[in-house]
């Protein structure tokens, strides 16, 4: 798993392999601290988070494309 992070927003990228190919899934989450000062993840985003989600989506896309290109060249 690869994790990309911008501030409190993160993208977790998983590589999955089947018999025919390798594919990737991405999960976006937002970190927050509760009243007891414990960290949690949320999959809900506010207005001010959306540009960071967009930027992380772009970075995750680039990461996946580069991984796939590397895998093709190794074959």
C-alpha atoms as a PDB file:
ATOM      1  CA  UNK A   1       0.000   0.000   0.000  1.00  0.00           C
ATOM      2  CA  UNK A   2       1.131   3.520  -0.823  1.00  0.00           C
ATOM      3  CA  UNK A   3      -0.213   6.542   1.051  1.00  0.00           C
ATOM      4  CA  UNK A   4      -0.168  10.082  -0.306  1.00  0.00           C
ATOM      5  CA  UNK A   5      -1.029  12.943   2.027  1.00  0.00           C
ATOM      6  CA  UNK A   6      -1.726  16.672   1.788  1.00  0.00           C
ATOM      7  CA  UNK A   7      -2.488  18.192   5.166  1.00  0.00           C
ATOM      8  CA  UNK A   8      -5.265  16.193   6.773  1.00  0.00           C
ATOM      9  CA  UNK A   9      -6.417  14.567   3.521  1.00  0.00           C
ATOM     10  CA  UNK A  10      -4.878  11.276   2.402  1.00  0.00           C
ATOM     11  CA  UNK A  11      -5.142   8.837  -0.481  1.00  0.00           C
ATOM     12  CA  UNK A  12      -4.382   5.177   0.192  1.00  0.00           C
ATOM     13  CA  UNK A  13      -3.488   3.204  -2.942  1.00  0.00           C
ATOM     14  CA  UNK A  14      -3.731  -0.594  -3.016  1.00  0.00           C
ATOM     15  CA  UNK A  15      -2.211  -2.810  -5.667  1.00  0.00           C
ATOM     16  CA  UNK A  16      -4.310  -5.900  -6.431  1.00  0.00           C
ATOM     17  CA  UNK A  17      -3.231  -8.788  -8.606  1.00  0.00           C
ATOM     18  CA  UNK A  18      -5.465 -11.221 -10.424  1.00  0.00           C
ATOM     19  CA  UNK A  19      -4.451 -14.052 -12.729  1.00  0.00           C
ATOM     20  CA  UNK A  20      -4.732 -11.802 -15.784  1.00  0.00           C
ATOM     21  CA  UNK A  21      -3.491  -8.412 -14.568  1.00  0.00           C
ATOM     22  CA  UNK A  22      -2.617  -5.995 -11.788  1.00  0.00           C
ATOM     23  CA  UNK A  23      -5.069  -3.243 -10.913  1.00  0.00           C
ATOM     24  CA  UNK A  24      -5.247  -0.448  -8.337  1.00  0.00           C
ATOM     25  CA  UNK A  25      -7.852   0.965  -5.960  1.00  0.00           C
ATOM     26  CA  UNK A  26      -7.697   4.294  -4.151  1.00  0.00           C
ATOM     27  CA  UNK A  27      -9.464   5.336  -0.951  1.00  0.00           C
ATOM     28  CA  UNK A  28      -9.621   8.977   0.121  1.00  0.00           C
ATOM     29  CA  UNK A  29     -10.017   9.945   3.763  1.00  0.00           C
ATOM     30  CA  UNK A  30      -9.787  12.933   6.072  1.00  0.00           C
ATOM     31  CA  UNK A  31      -8.043  12.826   9.430  1.00  0.00           C
ATOM     32  CA  UNK A  32      -9.615  14.517  12.428  1.00  0.00           C
ATOM     33  CA  UNK A  33      -9.141  14.636  16.197  1.00  0.00           C
ATOM     34  CA  UNK A  34     -12.071  13.975  18.539  1.00  0.00           C
ATOM     35  CA  UNK A  35     -12.751  15.574  21.918  1.00  0.00           C
ATOM     36  CA  UNK A  36     -10.563  12.970  23.656  1.00  0.00           C
ATOM     37  CA  UNK A  37      -7.634  13.945  21.376  1.00  0.00           C
ATOM     38  CA  UNK A  38      -7.820  10.632  19.456  1.00  0.00           C
ATOM     39  CA  UNK A  39      -7.228  10.543  15.692  1.00  0.00           C
ATOM     40  CA  UNK A  40      -9.853   9.111  13.342  1.00  0.00           C
ATOM     41  CA  UNK A  41     -10.478   8.822   9.603  1.00  0.00           C
ATOM     42  CA  UNK A  42     -13.608  10.058   7.881  1.00  0.00           C
ATOM     43  CA  UNK A  43     -14.781   9.609   4.296  1.00  0.00           C
ATOM     44  CA  UNK A  44     -16.723  12.873   4.465  1.00  0.00           C
ATOM     45  CA  UNK A  45     -15.197  16.062   3.084  1.00  0.00           C
ATOM     46  CA  UNK A  46     -16.023  19.720   3.545  1.00  0.00           C
ATOM     47  CA  UNK A  47     -15.843  22.498   0.999  1.00  0.00           C
ATOM     48  CA  UNK A  48     -12.278  23.410   1.967  1.00  0.00           C
ATOM     49  CA  UNK A  49     -11.149  19.785   1.555  1.00  0.00           C
ATOM     50  CA  UNK A  50     -12.319  19.323  -2.022  1.00  0.00           C
ATOM     51  CA  UNK A  51      -9.382  20.936  -3.812  1.00  0.00           C
ATOM     52  CA  UNK A  52      -6.991  18.768  -1.788  1.00  0.00           C
ATOM     53  CA  UNK A  53      -9.016  15.665  -2.693  1.00  0.00           C
ATOM     54  CA  UNK A  54      -8.788  16.728  -6.334  1.00  0.00           C
ATOM     55  CA  UNK A  55      -5.017  17.249  -6.117  1.00  0.00           C
ATOM     56  CA  UNK A  56      -4.561  13.875  -4.391  1.00  0.00           C
ATOM     57  CA  UNK A  57      -6.687  12.215  -7.090  1.00  0.00           C
ATOM     58  CA  UNK A  58      -4.311  13.691  -9.682  1.00  0.00           C
ATOM     59  CA  UNK A  59      -1.248  12.500  -7.734  1.00  0.00           C
ATOM     60  CA  UNK A  60      -2.768   9.035  -7.246  1.00  0.00           C
ATOM     61  CA  UNK A  61      -3.488   8.805 -10.979  1.00  0.00           C
ATOM     62  CA  UNK A  62       0.115   9.723 -11.781  1.00  0.00           C
ATOM     63  CA  UNK A  63       1.413   7.164  -9.265  1.00  0.00           C
ATOM     64  CA  UNK A  64      -0.745   4.371 -10.726  1.00  0.00           C
ATOM     65  CA  UNK A  65       0.197   5.234 -14.313  1.00  0.00           C
ATOM     66  CA  UNK A  66       3.904   5.226 -13.442  1.00  0.00           C
ATOM     67  CA  UNK A  67       3.589   1.864 -11.636  1.00  0.00           C
ATOM     68  CA  UNK A  68       1.784   0.345 -14.615  1.00  0.00           C
ATOM     69  CA  UNK A  69       4.414   1.667 -17.035  1.00  0.00           C
ATOM     70  CA  UNK A  70       7.194   0.223 -14.861  1.00  0.00           C
ATOM     71  CA  UNK A  71       5.456  -3.144 -14.748  1.00  0.00           C
ATOM     72  CA  UNK A  72       5.026  -3.203 -18.539  1.00  0.00           C
ATOM     73  CA  UNK A  73       8.684  -2.418 -19.102  1.00  0.00           C
ATOM     74  CA  UNK A  74       9.702  -5.235 -16.735  1.00  0.00           C
ATOM     75  CA  UNK A  75       7.684  -7.813 -18.699  1.00  0.00           C
END
